[in-house]
Amino acid sequence: KVKKRKKNGQPYAVVDNILDRNFQSDRPLEKLVTDITYLPYGQKQLYLSSILDLYNGEVIAYTIGDKQDTDFVLDTLEQLPTLP
């Protein structure tokens, strides 16, 4: 499915910066960050989706897949423990 984008160069959505570069946390599962990293694997490209807890720097969920789609991201989110 082709992504639809605005043609005027404006971002699709802008959200408030609630972390404001404060990457310290006093409690587990209070501040979580996520990223998708590209992993070259032979002739293919794999993707690593991970969620990091800023309390102790621990990766609390991750998924490796061969395509970036909604299911790939949702698989990572489903691994999260129950959030307070």
Protein backbone atom coordinates (compact mmCIF):
# COMPACT_ATOMS: atom_id res chain seq x y z
CA LYS A 1 0.00 0.00 0.00
CA VAL A 2 1.44 3.35 -1.00
CA LYS A 3 1.80 5.90 1.79
CA LYS A 4 -0.21 9.07 1.27
CA ARG A 5 1.68 12.24 2.08
CA LYS A 6 0.86 15.91 1.92
CA LYS A 7 2.37 17.56 -1.12
CA ASN A 8 3.16 20.90 0.54
CA GLY A 9 6.19 19.60 2.46
CA GLN A 10 4.51 19.83 5.85
CA PRO A 11 4.84 16.93 8.33
CA TYR A 12 1.83 14.65 8.71
CA ALA A 13 1.55 15.29 12.45
CA VAL A 14 3.58 17.13 15.07
CA VAL A 15 3.37 16.04 18.70
CA ASP A 16 4.56 17.82 21.81
CA ASN A 17 8.06 17.00 23.04
CA ILE A 18 7.11 15.69 26.47
CA LEU A 19 10.56 14.25 27.24
CA ASP A 20 12.29 17.56 26.48
CA ARG A 21 15.65 15.71 26.39
CA ASN A 22 15.15 14.50 29.98
CA PHE A 23 16.20 10.88 29.49
CA GLN A 24 16.36 10.04 33.22
CA SER A 25 13.57 8.12 34.91
CA ASP A 26 12.86 7.43 38.58
CA ARG A 27 10.58 4.44 38.06
CA PRO A 28 10.58 1.39 35.78
CA LEU A 29 8.24 1.57 32.77
CA GLU A 30 7.75 5.32 33.23
CA LYS A 31 9.61 6.41 30.07
CA LEU A 32 9.93 4.06 27.13
CA VAL A 33 11.59 4.80 23.79
CA THR A 34 11.58 2.83 20.57
CA ASP A 35 13.61 2.56 17.38
CA ILE A 36 13.83 0.45 14.23
CA THR A 37 17.33 -0.49 13.06
CA TYR A 38 18.33 -1.90 9.66
CA LEU A 39 20.42 -5.09 9.71
CA PRO A 40 22.12 -6.17 6.47
CA TYR A 41 21.90 -9.99 6.26
CA GLY A 42 23.41 -11.49 3.14
CA GLN A 43 21.36 -10.32 0.16
CA LYS A 44 18.46 -9.33 2.41
CA GLN A 45 17.71 -6.50 4.78
CA LEU A 46 16.32 -7.39 8.23
CA TYR A 47 14.80 -4.97 10.72
CA LEU A 48 15.13 -4.84 14.49
CA SER A 49 12.34 -3.10 16.40
CA SER A 50 13.20 -2.52 20.05
CA ILE A 51 11.72 -0.79 23.10
CA LEU A 52 14.09 0.56 25.75
CA ASP A 53 13.23 1.48 29.34
CA LEU A 54 15.02 4.73 30.27
CA TYR A 55 14.99 3.76 33.97
CA ASN A 56 17.88 1.30 33.60
CA GLY A 57 18.65 1.23 29.86
CA GLU A 58 17.24 -2.29 29.49
CA VAL A 59 15.70 -3.51 26.24
CA ILE A 60 12.34 -4.80 27.42
CA ALA A 61 10.91 -5.89 24.04
CA TYR A 62 12.27 -6.58 20.56
CA THR A 63 11.29 -8.16 17.26
CA ILE A 64 13.36 -9.06 14.20
CA GLY A 65 11.56 -9.19 10.85
CA ASP A 66 12.15 -9.01 7.12
CA LYS A 67 9.61 -6.26 6.42
CA GLN A 68 8.41 -3.13 8.19
CA ASP A 69 4.67 -3.29 8.54
CA THR A 70 2.05 -2.76 11.21
CA ASP A 71 2.25 -6.37 12.43
CA PHE A 72 6.01 -6.01 12.90
CA VAL A 73 5.57 -3.04 15.24
CA LEU A 74 2.55 -4.55 17.02
CA ASP A 75 4.53 -7.74 17.75
CA THR A 76 7.05 -5.61 19.62
CA LEU A 77 4.35 -3.74 21.55
CA GLU A 78 2.61 -6.99 22.54
CA GLN A 79 5.78 -8.10 24.38
CA LEU A 80 5.53 -5.21 26.83
CA PRO A 81 4.64 -6.09 30.41
CA THR A 82 1.48 -4.58 31.87
CA LEU A 83 2.12 -0.86 32.16
CA PRO A 84 1.27 0.98 35.38
